Amino acid sequence: MAEVTLVGAVTQALGRAMEEDDLAVILGEDVGVNGGVFRATDGLLARFGAERVIDSPLAEAGIAGTAIGMAGAGLHPIAEFQFMGFLYAGLDQIISHAARLRNRTRGRLSCPAVFRAPYGGGIHGPEHHSESTEAMLAHIPGLRVVIPSSPVRAYGLLLAAIRDPDPVVFLEPKRIYRTVKQDVPDDGQALPLDMAFTLREGSDITLITWGAMVTETMAAANALAAAGIEAEVIDVATLTPLDEATILASVEKTGRCVIIHEAAYTGGFGAEIAARIAEKSLMSLMAPVVRVTGYDTVIPAARTEHRYLISERRIIEAARRAVAFPDEPAEEQFDTGDNERGAA
């Protein structure tokens, strides 16, 4: 079995879904002849033809609306947006129609559509090419928001998303599209949606994250272990509906928690997780919940992008302070979202 990258696992899952389901269709800008901006649909036009792998006009609202119409008519569309920042033009369709179709028709219709988009920084892109605004989508009732963090999870979660009878926004962390490889059997086995994955067991602190940040978080956990701090690592995977049971059980075991996400500090999905912990597991905490996040600014491009992206060091420092609390403050300048101090 050959190892594949995360983007290769996406391609593999799309091909498997198209083979198994004649109603599955792919549409989006350059998904056919060019195989997608990141080549996630490479080779699928030759395999399945232009009636099922459809190059759309440069019109994201049209892509979203067409996918919703296809879903209402009984097809299983998989719509690609080239970057998360381009998804915004389709939000009216996704929020006003895809997310509401089941409720609006009192269950007579559903919207079995998947809206795929590469998201996050790490490729030195200009604005609109490095967005990480998953919290905005997670706020919409009726939408699932799913984010894989490895080739294995990309394959299994994408298959599950395509087979789901309701709309799924599937965000693919492009920074690790080609940096991580795994054996991914093309066996058609889906992974469960709505479930967080415990990637590492630990007893001293819980590290909660998703997407590309799993890479730095796991590296930080290993470094902490070398210093005698055993961190449990939770990959949220499905932001909504949130598997709060797994998160709360871990926090109640360790008593300390750091939440890591690339998105901006204010209103990030980490705040929702922190609120759930405060509401339901407050008495288990031995230190305040800490968030290690991006800053409240547009992610910078090219040469200064690294100042925004979260390092392994920031996670380690936050975890050490949480474990040392109250001898040291649980929060410090790198983890508050304070742009002036954080960028220093």
C-alpha atoms as a PDB file:
ATOM      1  CA  MET A   1       0.000   0.000   0.000  1.00  0.00           C
ATOM      2  CA  ALA A   2       1.474   3.354  -1.066  1.00  0.00           C
ATOM      3  CA  GLU A   3       1.467   6.233   1.380  1.00  0.00           C
ATOM      4  CA  VAL A   4      -0.635   9.204   0.306  1.00  0.00           C
ATOM      5  CA  THR A   5      -0.780  12.855   1.270  1.00  0.00           C
ATOM      6  CA  LEU A   6      -3.837  14.552   2.729  1.00  0.00           C
ATOM      7  CA  VAL A   7      -4.800  15.990  -0.658  1.00  0.00           C
ATOM      8  CA  GLY A   8      -4.200  12.551  -2.175  1.00  0.00           C
ATOM      9  CA  ALA A   9      -6.557  11.047   0.388  1.00  0.00           C
ATOM     10  CA  VAL A  10      -9.200  13.610  -0.609  1.00  0.00           C
ATOM     11  CA  THR A  11      -8.803  12.582  -4.245  1.00  0.00           C
ATOM     12  CA  GLN A  12      -9.010   8.927  -3.238  1.00  0.00           C
ATOM     13  CA  ALA A  13     -12.210   9.494  -1.248  1.00  0.00           C
ATOM     14  CA  LEU A  14     -13.813  11.470  -4.074  1.00  0.00           C
ATOM     15  CA  GLY A  15     -13.024   8.702  -6.545  1.00  0.00           C
ATOM     16  CA  ARG A  16     -14.417   6.034  -4.226  1.00  0.00           C
ATOM     17  CA  ALA A  17     -17.608   8.031  -3.648  1.00  0.00           C
ATOM     18  CA  MET A  18     -18.096   8.608  -7.378  1.00  0.00           C
ATOM     19  CA  GLU A  19     -17.616   4.898  -8.080  1.00  0.00           C
ATOM     20  CA  GLU A  20     -20.084   3.810  -5.441  1.00  0.00           C
ATOM     21  CA  ASP A  21     -22.751   6.436  -6.046  1.00  0.00           C
ATOM     22  CA  ASP A  22     -23.943   7.326  -9.528  1.00  0.00           C
ATOM     23  CA  LEU A  23     -25.752  10.339  -8.076  1.00  0.00           C
ATOM     24  CA  ALA A  24     -22.506  11.897  -6.810  1.00  0.00           C
ATOM     25  CA  VAL A  25     -21.296  14.832  -8.914  1.00  0.00           C
ATOM     26  CA  ILE A  26     -18.409  17.270  -8.491  1.00  0.00           C
ATOM     27  CA  LEU A  27     -18.603  20.917  -9.490  1.00  0.00           C
ATOM     28  CA  GLY A  28     -16.404  23.951  -9.069  1.00  0.00           C
ATOM     29  CA  GLU A  29     -13.880  26.224 -10.722  1.00  0.00           C
ATOM     30  CA  ASP A  30     -11.213  24.281 -12.648  1.00  0.00           C
ATOM     31  CA  VAL A  31     -12.141  20.959 -11.025  1.00  0.00           C
ATOM     32  CA  GLY A  32     -12.338  19.188 -14.368  1.00  0.00           C
ATOM     33  CA  VAL A  33      -9.675  19.897 -16.978  1.00  0.00           C
ATOM     34  CA  ASN A  34      -7.121  21.291 -14.508  1.00  0.00           C
ATOM     35  CA  GLY A  35      -7.965  18.951 -11.630  1.00  0.00           C
ATOM     36  CA  GLY A  36      -8.547  21.747  -9.120  1.00  0.00           C
ATOM     37  CA  VAL A  37      -6.305  24.541  -7.869  1.00  0.00           C
ATOM     38  CA  PHE A  38      -4.582  22.088  -5.491  1.00  0.00           C
ATOM     39  CA  ARG A  39      -5.161  19.088  -7.815  1.00  0.00           C
ATOM     40  CA  ALA A  40      -7.633  17.465  -5.427  1.00  0.00           C
ATOM     41  CA  THR A  41      -9.817  16.380  -8.361  1.00  0.00           C
ATOM     42  CA  ASP A  42      -6.946  15.416 -10.644  1.00  0.00           C
ATOM     43  CA  GLY A  43      -7.857  12.529 -12.948  1.00  0.00           C
ATOM     44  CA  LEU A  44     -11.539  12.417 -12.012  1.00  0.00           C
ATOM     45  CA  LEU A  45     -12.736  14.029 -15.253  1.00  0.00           C
ATOM     46  CA  ALA A  46     -11.101  11.251 -17.262  1.00  0.00           C
ATOM     47  CA  ARG A  47     -12.639   8.595 -15.017  1.00  0.00           C
ATOM     48  CA  PHE A  48     -16.194   9.917 -14.727  1.00  0.00           C
ATOM     49  CA  GLY A  49     -16.764  12.319 -17.600  1.00  0.00           C
ATOM     50  CA  ALA A  50     -17.832  15.934 -17.965  1.00  0.00           C
ATOM     51  CA  GLU A  51     -21.425  15.278 -16.883  1.00  0.00           C
ATOM     52  CA  ARG A  52     -20.245  14.318 -13.386  1.00  0.00           C
ATOM     53  CA  VAL A  53     -17.105  16.454 -13.006  1.00  0.00           C
ATOM     54  CA  ILE A  54     -18.265  19.911 -13.977  1.00  0.00           C
ATOM     55  CA  ASP A  55     -16.132  23.000 -14.539  1.00  0.00           C
ATOM     56  CA  SER A  56     -18.201  25.923 -13.329  1.00  0.00           C
ATOM     57  CA  PRO A  57     -18.008  29.615 -14.152  1.00  0.00           C
ATOM     58  CA  LEU A  58     -16.070  31.905 -11.827  1.00  0.00           C
ATOM     59  CA  ALA A  59     -19.144  32.460  -9.637  1.00  0.00           C
ATOM     60  CA  GLU A  60     -19.193  31.078  -6.090  1.00  0.00           C
ATOM     61  CA  ALA A  61     -22.821  32.053  -5.465  1.00  0.00           C
ATOM     62  CA  GLY A  62     -23.698  30.091  -8.579  1.00  0.00           C
ATOM     63  CA  ILE A  63     -21.660  27.082  -7.454  1.00  0.00           C
ATOM     64  CA  ALA A  64     -23.431  27.010  -4.080  1.00  0.00           C
ATOM     65  CA  GLY A  65     -26.878  27.589  -5.539  1.00  0.00           C
ATOM     66  CA  THR A  66     -26.421  24.979  -8.250  1.00  0.00           C
ATOM     67  CA  ALA A  67     -25.245  22.422  -5.687  1.00  0.00           C
ATOM     68  CA  ILE A  68     -28.299  23.091  -3.518  1.00  0.00           C
ATOM     69  CA  GLY A  69     -30.593  22.724  -6.519  1.00  0.00           C
ATOM     70  CA  MET A  70     -28.893  19.462  -7.453  1.00  0.00           C
ATOM     71  CA  ALA A  71     -29.298  18.172  -3.907  1.00  0.00           C
ATOM     72  CA  GLY A  72     -32.976  19.101  -3.848  1.00  0.00           C
ATOM     73  CA  ALA A  73     -33.441  17.210  -7.096  1.00  0.00           C
ATOM     74  CA  GLY A  74     -31.916  14.036  -5.644  1.00  0.00           C
ATOM     75  CA  LEU A  75     -28.265  14.283  -6.644  1.00  0.00           C
ATOM     76  CA  HIS A  76     -25.345  14.207  -4.209  1.00  0.00           C
ATOM     77  CA  PRO A  77     -23.233  17.235  -5.190  1.00  0.00           C
ATOM     78  CA  ILE A  78     -19.705  17.904  -3.945  1.00  0.00           C
ATOM     79  CA  ALA A  79     -18.918  21.571  -4.552  1.00  0.00           C
ATOM     80  CA  GLU A  80     -15.362  22.870  -4.414  1.00  0.00           C
ATOM     81  CA  PHE A  81     -14.461  26.452  -3.538  1.00  0.00           C
ATOM     82  CA  GLN A  82     -10.865  27.215  -4.415  1.00  0.00           C
ATOM     83  CA  PHE A  83     -10.137  28.923  -1.070  1.00  0.00           C
ATOM     84  CA  MET A  84     -12.161  29.465   2.080  1.00  0.00           C
ATOM     85  CA  GLY A  85     -12.053  33.208   1.443  1.00  0.00           C
ATOM     86  CA  PHE A  86     -13.938  32.618  -1.800  1.00  0.00           C
ATOM     87  CA  LEU A  87     -16.676  30.749   0.050  1.00  0.00           C
ATOM     88  CA  TYR A  88     -18.147  34.005   1.323  1.00  0.00           C
ATOM     89  CA  ALA A  89     -19.829  34.793  -1.975  1.00  0.00           C
ATOM     90  CA  GLY A  90     -21.781  31.552  -1.622  1.00  0.00           C
ATOM     91  CA  LEU A  91     -22.773  32.041   2.032  1.00  0.00           C
ATOM     92  CA  ASP A  92     -26.197  33.481   1.257  1.00  0.00           C
ATOM     93  CA  GLN A  93     -27.107  30.271  -0.570  1.00  0.00           C
ATOM     94  CA  ILE A  94     -25.488  27.985   2.019  1.00  0.00           C
ATOM     95  CA  ILE A  95     -26.944  29.744   5.077  1.00  0.00           C
ATOM     96  CA  SER A  96     -30.337  30.752   3.700  1.00  0.00           C
ATOM     97  CA  HIS A  97     -31.110  27.563   1.804  1.00  0.00           C
ATOM     98  CA  ALA A  98     -28.782  24.574   2.325  1.00  0.00           C
ATOM     99  CA  ALA A  99     -28.827  24.837   6.117  1.00  0.00           C
ATOM    100  CA  ARG A 100     -32.604  25.429   6.269  1.00  0.00           C
ATOM    101  CA  LEU A 101     -33.989  23.094   3.630  1.00  0.00           C
ATOM    102  CA  ARG A 102     -34.856  20.226   5.964  1.00  0.00           C
ATOM    103  CA  ASN A 103     -36.508  22.545   8.488  1.00  0.00           C
ATOM    104  CA  ARG A 104     -38.246  24.646   5.842  1.00  0.00           C
ATOM    105  CA  THR A 105     -39.877  21.604   4.270  1.00  0.00           C
ATOM    106  CA  ARG A 106     -40.538  19.906   7.636  1.00  0.00           C
ATOM    107  CA  GLY A 107     -38.370  16.996   6.598  1.00  0.00           C
ATOM    108  CA  ARG A 108     -39.786  16.502   3.126  1.00  0.00           C
ATOM    109  CA  LEU A 109     -36.505  17.571   1.541  1.00  0.00           C
ATOM    110  CA  SER A 110     -32.901  17.530   2.688  1.00  0.00           C
ATOM    111  CA  CYS A 111     -29.709  18.902   1.219  1.00  0.00           C
ATOM    112  CA  PRO A 112     -27.124  16.110   0.854  1.00  0.00           C
ATOM    113  CA  ALA A 113     -24.416  18.471  -0.392  1.00  0.00           C
ATOM    114  CA  VAL A 114     -20.769  18.814   0.577  1.00  0.00           C
ATOM    115  CA  PHE A 115     -19.074  22.197   0.288  1.00  0.00           C
ATOM    116  CA  ARG A 116     -15.295  21.654   0.194  1.00  0.00           C
ATOM    117  CA  ALA A 117     -12.741  24.426   0.671  1.00  0.00           C
ATOM    118  CA  PRO A 118      -9.015  24.556   1.435  1.00  0.00           C
ATOM    119  CA  TYR A 119      -8.533  26.757   4.508  1.00  0.00           C
ATOM    120  CA  GLY A 120      -5.889  28.283   6.761  1.00  0.00           C
ATOM    121  CA  GLY A 121      -2.460  29.756   6.210  1.00  0.00           C
ATOM    122  CA  GLY A 122       0.919  28.321   5.465  1.00  0.00           C
ATOM    123  CA  ILE A 123       1.226  28.838   1.698  1.00  0.00           C
ATOM    124  CA  HIS A 124       2.195  32.538   1.715  1.00  0.00           C
ATOM    125  CA  GLY A 125      -1.039  33.487  -0.007  1.00  0.00           C
ATOM    126  CA  PRO A 126      -2.552  36.961  -0.234  1.00  0.00           C
ATOM    127  CA  GLU A 127      -5.708  37.902   1.665  1.00  0.00           C
ATOM    128  CA  HIS A 128      -8.756  35.698   0.981  1.00  0.00           C
ATOM    129  CA  HIS A 129      -6.368  32.788   0.407  1.00  0.00           C
ATOM    130  CA  SER A 130      -5.465  32.062   4.042  1.00  0.00           C
ATOM    131  CA  GLU A 131      -8.743  32.465   5.921  1.00  0.00           C
ATOM    132  CA  SER A 132      -9.595  30.462   9.032  1.00  0.00           C
ATOM    133  CA  THR A 133     -13.165  31.534   9.810  1.00  0.00           C
ATOM    134  CA  GLU A 134     -14.657  28.188  10.730  1.00  0.00           C
ATOM    135  CA  ALA A 135     -16.383  29.671  13.796  1.00  0.00           C
ATOM    136  CA  MET A 136     -18.624  31.718  11.504  1.00  0.00           C
ATOM    137  CA  LEU A 137     -19.877  28.551   9.822  1.00  0.00           C
ATOM    138  CA  ALA A 138     -20.165  26.642  13.084  1.00  0.00           C
ATOM    139  CA  HIS A 139     -22.623  29.286  14.282  1.00  0.00           C
ATOM    140  CA  ILE A 140     -25.172  28.312  11.600  1.00  0.00           C
ATOM    141  CA  PRO A 141     -27.802  25.756  12.694  1.00  0.00           C
ATOM    142  CA  GLY A 142     -28.254  23.040  10.104  1.00  0.00           C
ATOM    143  CA  LEU A 143     -24.631  22.918   8.942  1.00  0.00           C
ATOM    144  CA  ARG A 144     -22.026  20.363   9.884  1.00  0.00           C
ATOM    145  CA  VAL A 145     -18.488  21.721   9.916  1.00  0.00           C
ATOM    146  CA  VAL A 146     -15.819  19.043   9.523  1.00  0.00           C
ATOM    147  CA  ILE A 147     -12.041  19.548   9.473  1.00  0.00           C
ATOM    148  CA  PRO A 148      -9.619  16.632   8.928  1.00  0.00           C
ATOM    149  CA  SER A 149      -6.100  16.683  10.311  1.00  0.00           C
ATOM    150  CA  SER A 150      -4.438  13.743   8.547  1.00  0.00           C
ATOM    151  CA  PRO A 151      -4.751  11.691   5.361  1.00  0.00           C
ATOM    152  CA  VAL A 152      -6.562   8.867   7.182  1.00  0.00           C
ATOM    153  CA  ARG A 153      -9.105  11.232   8.677  1.00  0.00           C
ATOM    154  CA  ALA A 154      -9.475  13.167   5.427  1.00  0.00           C
ATOM    155  CA  TYR A 155     -10.432   9.967   3.595  1.00  0.00           C
ATOM    156  CA  GLY A 156     -12.812   8.609   6.225  1.00  0.00           C
ATOM    157  CA  LEU A 157     -14.473  11.891   7.157  1.00  0.00           C
ATOM    158  CA  LEU A 158     -14.972  12.998   3.554  1.00  0.00           C
ATOM    159  CA  LEU A 159     -16.700   9.715   2.711  1.00  0.00           C
ATOM    160  CA  ALA A 160     -18.932  10.180   5.745  1.00  0.00           C
ATOM    161  CA  ALA A 161     -19.692  13.756   4.716  1.00  0.00           C
ATOM    162  CA  ILE A 162     -20.647  12.728   1.175  1.00  0.00           C
ATOM    163  CA  ARG A 163     -22.939  10.002   2.514  1.00  0.00           C
ATOM    164  CA  ASP A 164     -24.609  12.306   5.033  1.00  0.00           C
ATOM    165  CA  PRO A 165     -28.171  13.377   4.145  1.00  0.00           C
ATOM    166  CA  ASP A 166     -27.583  16.965   5.297  1.00  0.00           C
ATOM    167  CA  PRO A 167     -25.172  19.725   4.227  1.00  0.00           C
ATOM    168  CA  VAL A 168     -21.553  19.485   5.339  1.00  0.00           C
ATOM    169  CA  VAL A 169     -18.880  22.166   5.058  1.00  0.00           C
ATOM    170  CA  PHE A 170     -15.614  20.246   4.697  1.00  0.00           C
ATOM    171  CA  LEU A 171     -12.564  22.424   5.350  1.00  0.00           C
ATOM    172  CA  GLU A 172      -9.209  21.033   4.275  1.00  0.00           C
ATOM    173  CA  PRO A 173      -6.055  22.434   5.975  1.00  0.00           C
ATOM    174  CA  LYS A 174      -3.947  23.221   2.962  1.00  0.00           C
ATOM    175  CA  ARG A 175      -0.763  23.828   4.975  1.00  0.00           C
ATOM    176  CA  ILE A 176      -0.536  20.052   5.507  1.00  0.00           C
ATOM    177  CA  TYR A 177      -1.946  19.030   2.127  1.00  0.00           C
ATOM    178  CA  ARG A 178       1.403  17.544   1.142  1.00  0.00           C
ATOM    179  CA  THR A 179       3.536  17.560   4.294  1.00  0.00           C
ATOM    180  CA  VAL A 180       2.033  14.475   5.954  1.00  0.00           C
ATOM    181  CA  LYS A 181       1.777  10.990   4.432  1.00  0.00           C
ATOM    182  CA  GLN A 182       0.008   7.888   5.716  1.00  0.00           C
ATOM    183  CA  ASP A 183      -1.125   4.496   4.528  1.00  0.00           C
ATOM    184  CA  VAL A 184      -4.748   5.040   3.539  1.00  0.00           C
ATOM    185  CA  PRO A 185      -6.499   1.876   2.356  1.00  0.00           C
ATOM    186  CA  ASP A 186      -9.075   2.675  -0.306  1.00  0.00           C
ATOM    187  CA  ASP A 187     -11.624   0.395   1.323  1.00  0.00           C
ATOM    188  CA  GLY A 188     -14.612   2.736   1.430  1.00  0.00           C
ATOM    189  CA  GLN A 189     -14.668   2.772   5.232  1.00  0.00           C
ATOM    190  CA  ALA A 190     -15.958   6.059   6.601  1.00  0.00           C
ATOM    191  CA  LEU A 191     -15.053   7.545   9.954  1.00  0.00           C
ATOM    192  CA  PRO A 192     -17.832   8.720  12.256  1.00  0.00           C
ATOM    193  CA  LEU A 193     -18.883  12.338  12.105  1.00  0.00           C
ATOM    194  CA  ASP A 194     -19.713  14.284  15.280  1.00  0.00           C
ATOM    195  CA  MET A 195     -16.904  12.566  17.194  1.00  0.00           C
ATOM    196  CA  ALA A 196     -13.628  13.953  18.494  1.00  0.00           C
ATOM    197  CA  PHE A 197     -10.496  11.800  18.327  1.00  0.00           C
ATOM    198  CA  THR A 198      -8.175  11.303  21.284  1.00  0.00           C
ATOM    199  CA  LEU A 199      -4.771  11.215  19.607  1.00  0.00           C
ATOM    200  CA  ARG A 200      -2.675  10.946  22.754  1.00  0.00           C
ATOM    201  CA  GLU A 201      -3.512   9.901  26.307  1.00  0.00           C
ATOM    202  CA  GLY A 202      -2.304  12.057  29.166  1.00  0.00           C
ATOM    203  CA  SER A 203      -3.007  12.877  32.792  1.00  0.00           C
ATOM    204  CA  ASP A 204      -1.637  16.381  33.406  1.00  0.00           C
ATOM    205  CA  ILE A 205      -3.271  18.659  30.825  1.00  0.00           C
ATOM    206  CA  THR A 206      -5.658  18.497  27.869  1.00  0.00           C
ATOM    207  CA  LEU A 207      -4.656  20.073  24.551  1.00  0.00           C
ATOM    208  CA  ILE A 208      -7.637  20.628  22.229  1.00  0.00           C
ATOM    209  CA  THR A 209      -7.192  21.505  18.568  1.00  0.00           C
ATOM    210  CA  TRP A 210      -8.155  20.664  14.975  1.00  0.00           C
ATOM    211  CA  GLY A 211      -6.907  20.831  11.393  1.00  0.00           C
ATOM    212  CA  ALA A 212      -3.298  21.715  10.662  1.00  0.00           C
ATOM    213  CA  MET A 213      -2.664  22.709  14.281  1.00  0.00           C
ATOM    214  CA  VAL A 214      -2.722  19.031  15.255  1.00  0.00           C
ATOM    215  CA  THR A 215       0.834  18.784  13.889  1.00  0.00           C
ATOM    216  CA  GLU A 216       2.310  21.448  16.201  1.00  0.00           C
ATOM    217  CA  THR A 217       0.131  20.300  19.103  1.00  0.00           C
ATOM    218  CA  MET A 218       1.350  16.714  18.895  1.00  0.00           C
ATOM    219  CA  ALA A 219       4.949  17.914  18.664  1.00  0.00           C
ATOM    220  CA  ALA A 220       4.379  20.106  21.719  1.00  0.00           C
ATOM    221  CA  ALA A 221       2.851  17.186  23.626  1.00  0.00           C
ATOM    222  CA  ASN A 222       5.893  15.052  22.901  1.00  0.00           C
ATOM    223  CA  ALA A 223       8.216  17.833  24.059  1.00  0.00           C
ATOM    224  CA  LEU A 224       6.172  18.293  27.234  1.00  0.00           C
ATOM    225  CA  ALA A 225       6.395  14.564  27.921  1.00  0.00           C
ATOM    226  CA  ALA A 226      10.170  14.787  27.789  1.00  0.00           C
ATOM    227  CA  ALA A 227       9.870  17.397  30.548  1.00  0.00           C
ATOM    228  CA  GLY A 228       7.594  15.199  32.646  1.00  0.00           C
ATOM    229  CA  ILE A 229       4.227  16.710  31.632  1.00  0.00           C
ATOM    230  CA  GLU A 230       1.832  14.205  30.076  1.00  0.00           C
ATOM    231  CA  ALA A 231      -0.614  15.947  27.752  1.00  0.00           C
ATOM    232  CA  GLU A 232      -3.786  14.446  26.348  1.00  0.00           C
ATOM    233  CA  VAL A 233      -4.429  15.617  22.766  1.00  0.00           C
ATOM    234  CA  ILE A 234      -7.966  15.920  21.390  1.00  0.00           C
ATOM    235  CA  ASP A 235      -8.613  16.435  17.679  1.00  0.00           C
ATOM    236  CA  VAL A 236     -12.104  17.982  17.543  1.00  0.00           C
ATOM    237  CA  ALA A 237     -12.569  17.001  13.845  1.00  0.00           C
ATOM    238  CA  THR A 238     -16.303  17.853  13.735  1.00  0.00           C
ATOM    239  CA  LEU A 239     -16.851  21.331  15.127  1.00  0.00           C
ATOM    240  CA  THR A 240     -20.627  21.128  14.861  1.00  0.00           C
ATOM    241  CA  PRO A 241     -22.254  19.129  16.284  1.00  0.00           C
ATOM    242  CA  LEU A 242     -19.496  19.241  18.914  1.00  0.00           C
ATOM    243  CA  ASP A 243     -18.499  16.063  20.751  1.00  0.00           C
ATOM    244  CA  GLU A 244     -18.419  17.782  24.111  1.00  0.00           C
ATOM    245  CA  ALA A 245     -18.546  14.467  26.006  1.00  0.00           C
ATOM    246  CA  THR A 246     -15.023  13.520  24.900  1.00  0.00           C
ATOM    247  CA  ILE A 247     -13.707  16.998  25.672  1.00  0.00           C
ATOM    248  CA  LEU A 248     -15.323  17.248  29.095  1.00  0.00           C
ATOM    249  CA  ALA A 249     -14.217  13.760  30.110  1.00  0.00           C
ATOM    250  CA  SER A 250     -10.617  14.645  29.281  1.00  0.00           C
ATOM    251  CA  VAL A 251     -10.696  17.982  31.104  1.00  0.00           C
ATOM    252  CA  GLU A 252     -12.295  16.375  34.154  1.00  0.00           C
ATOM    253  CA  LYS A 253      -9.438  13.855  34.162  1.00  0.00           C
ATOM    254  CA  THR A 254      -6.561  16.321  33.735  1.00  0.00           C
ATOM    255  CA  GLY A 255      -7.965  19.468  35.377  1.00  0.00           C
ATOM    256  CA  ARG A 256      -6.167  21.759  32.936  1.00  0.00           C
ATOM    257  CA  CYS A 257      -6.816  22.738  29.338  1.00  0.00           C
ATOM    258  CA  VAL A 258      -5.216  24.633  26.462  1.00  0.00           C
ATOM    259  CA  ILE A 259      -7.222  25.230  23.281  1.00  0.00           C
ATOM    260  CA  ILE A 260      -5.232  25.855  20.100  1.00  0.00           C
ATOM    261  CA  HIS A 261      -6.559  27.252  16.822  1.00  0.00           C
ATOM    262  CA  GLU A 262      -5.143  29.266  13.957  1.00  0.00           C
ATOM    263  CA  ALA A 263      -8.208  31.503  13.676  1.00  0.00           C
ATOM    264  CA  ALA A 264      -8.305  34.939  15.278  1.00  0.00           C
ATOM    265  CA  TYR A 265      -8.684  35.167  19.053  1.00  0.00           C
ATOM    266  CA  THR A 266     -11.966  37.074  19.319  1.00  0.00           C
ATOM    267  CA  GLY A 267     -14.991  34.921  18.562  1.00  0.00           C
ATOM    268  CA  GLY A 268     -12.911  31.898  17.601  1.00  0.00           C
ATOM    269  CA  PHE A 269     -14.427  28.446  18.088  1.00  0.00           C
ATOM    270  CA  GLY A 270     -12.086  27.928  21.026  1.00  0.00           C
ATOM    271  CA  ALA A 271     -14.257  30.382  22.945  1.00  0.00           C
ATOM    272  CA  GLU A 272     -17.258  28.078  22.493  1.00  0.00           C
ATOM    273  CA  ILE A 273     -15.281  25.114  23.800  1.00  0.00           C
ATOM    274  CA  ALA A 274     -14.030  27.156  26.756  1.00  0.00           C
ATOM    275  CA  ALA A 275     -17.610  28.198  27.541  1.00  0.00           C
ATOM    276  CA  ARG A 276     -18.819  24.581  27.516  1.00  0.00           C
ATOM    277  CA  ILE A 277     -16.012  23.617  29.886  1.00  0.00           C
ATOM    278  CA  ALA A 278     -16.879  26.525  32.199  1.00  0.00           C
ATOM    279  CA  GLU A 279     -20.575  25.630  32.182  1.00  0.00           C
ATOM    280  CA  LYS A 280     -20.240  21.897  32.723  1.00  0.00           C
ATOM    281  CA  SER A 281     -16.804  21.098  34.174  1.00  0.00           C
ATOM    282  CA  LEU A 282     -15.790  24.230  36.047  1.00  0.00           C
ATOM    283  CA  MET A 283     -15.254  22.464  39.363  1.00  0.00           C
ATOM    284  CA  SER A 284     -12.781  20.074  37.747  1.00  0.00           C
ATOM    285  CA  LEU A 285     -10.457  22.877  36.668  1.00  0.00           C
ATOM    286  CA  MET A 286      -7.244  23.533  38.580  1.00  0.00           C
ATOM    287  CA  ALA A 287      -6.282  26.451  36.315  1.00  0.00           C
ATOM    288  CA  PRO A 288      -8.054  28.810  33.917  1.00  0.00           C
ATOM    289  CA  VAL A 289      -8.575  27.562  30.379  1.00  0.00           C
ATOM    290  CA  VAL A 290      -5.932  29.049  28.057  1.00  0.00           C
ATOM    291  CA  ARG A 291      -6.375  29.787  24.370  1.00  0.00           C
ATOM    292  CA  VAL A 292      -3.416  29.857  21.975  1.00  0.00           C
ATOM    293  CA  THR A 293      -4.723  31.472  18.811  1.00  0.00           C
ATOM    294  CA  GLY A 294      -4.088  33.651  15.838  1.00  0.00           C
ATOM    295  CA  TYR A 295      -4.292  37.400  16.289  1.00  0.00           C
ATOM    296  CA  ASP A 296      -7.161  39.807  15.697  1.00  0.00           C
ATOM    297  CA  THR A 297      -5.891  40.870  12.320  1.00  0.00           C
ATOM    298  CA  VAL A 298      -5.992  39.714   8.718  1.00  0.00           C
ATOM    299  CA  ILE A 299      -3.354  37.016   8.324  1.00  0.00           C
ATOM    300  CA  PRO A 300      -0.315  38.612   6.699  1.00  0.00           C
ATOM    301  CA  ALA A 301       1.043  37.331   3.426  1.00  0.00           C
ATOM    302  CA  ALA A 302       4.396  36.029   2.249  1.00  0.00           C
ATOM    303  CA  ARG A 303       7.409  37.058   4.341  1.00  0.00           C
ATOM    304  CA  THR A 304       5.507  37.998   7.528  1.00  0.00           C
ATOM    305  CA  GLU A 305       3.037  35.093   7.615  1.00  0.00           C
ATOM    306  CA  HIS A 306       5.162  33.199  10.145  1.00  0.00           C
ATOM    307  CA  ARG A 307       4.521  35.935  12.717  1.00  0.00           C
ATOM    308  CA  TYR A 308       0.843  34.981  12.717  1.00  0.00           C
ATOM    309  CA  LEU A 309       1.025  31.204  12.583  1.00  0.00           C
ATOM    310  CA  ILE A 310       1.228  29.337  15.887  1.00  0.00           C
ATOM    311  CA  SER A 311       4.510  27.724  16.825  1.00  0.00           C
ATOM    312  CA  GLU A 312       5.154  24.643  18.887  1.00  0.00           C
ATOM    313  CA  ARG A 313       6.922  26.928  21.375  1.00  0.00           C
ATOM    314  CA  ARG A 314       3.769  28.951  22.059  1.00  0.00           C
ATOM    315  CA  ILE A 315       1.819  25.793  22.858  1.00  0.00           C
ATOM    316  CA  ILE A 316       4.543  24.479  25.159  1.00  0.00           C
ATOM    317  CA  GLU A 317       4.754  27.794  27.042  1.00  0.00           C
ATOM    318  CA  ALA A 318       0.991  27.958  27.495  1.00  0.00           C
ATOM    319  CA  ALA A 319       0.840  24.381  28.761  1.00  0.00           C
ATOM    320  CA  ARG A 320       3.723  24.924  31.198  1.00  0.00           C
ATOM    321  CA  ARG A 321       2.018  28.001  32.654  1.00  0.00           C
ATOM    322  CA  ALA A 322      -1.292  26.186  33.010  1.00  0.00           C
ATOM    323  CA  VAL A 323       0.412  23.302  34.828  1.00  0.00           C
ATOM    324  CA  ALA A 324       2.345  25.740  37.054  1.00  0.00           C
ATOM    325  CA  PHE A 325      -0.756  27.758  37.995  1.00  0.00           C
ATOM    326  CA  PRO A 326      -1.176  29.483  40.458  1.00  0.00           C
ATOM    327  CA  ASP A 327       2.588  29.930  40.839  1.00  0.00           C
ATOM    328  CA  GLU A 328       2.585  31.502  37.374  1.00  0.00           C
ATOM    329  CA  PRO A 329      -0.332  33.181  35.551  1.00  0.00           C
ATOM    330  CA  ALA A 330      -2.124  30.770  33.254  1.00  0.00           C
ATOM    331  CA  GLU A 331      -2.244  33.357  30.472  1.00  0.00           C
ATOM    332  CA  GLU A 332       0.650  35.282  29.025  1.00  0.00           C
ATOM    333  CA  GLN A 333       1.392  37.643  26.205  1.00  0.00           C
ATOM    334  CA  PHE A 334       1.586  35.080  23.413  1.00  0.00           C
ATOM    335  CA  ASP A 335      -1.837  33.626  24.108  1.00  0.00           C
ATOM    336  CA  THR A 336      -4.137  36.612  24.624  1.00  0.00           C
ATOM    337  CA  GLY A 337      -4.602  37.630  21.017  1.00  0.00           C
ATOM    338  CA  ASP A 338      -2.982  40.979  21.802  1.00  0.00           C
ATOM    339  CA  ASN A 339      -1.575  41.942  18.413  1.00  0.00           C
ATOM    340  CA  GLU A 340       0.983  44.450  19.623  1.00  0.00           C
ATOM    341  CA  ARG A 341       2.565  42.252  22.258  1.00  0.00           C
ATOM    342  CA  GLY A 342       2.022  38.962  20.391  1.00  0.00           C
ATOM    343  CA  ALA A 343       3.825  40.159  17.295  1.00  0.00           C
ATOM    344  CA  ALA A 344       6.786  41.481  19.223  1.00  0.00           C
END
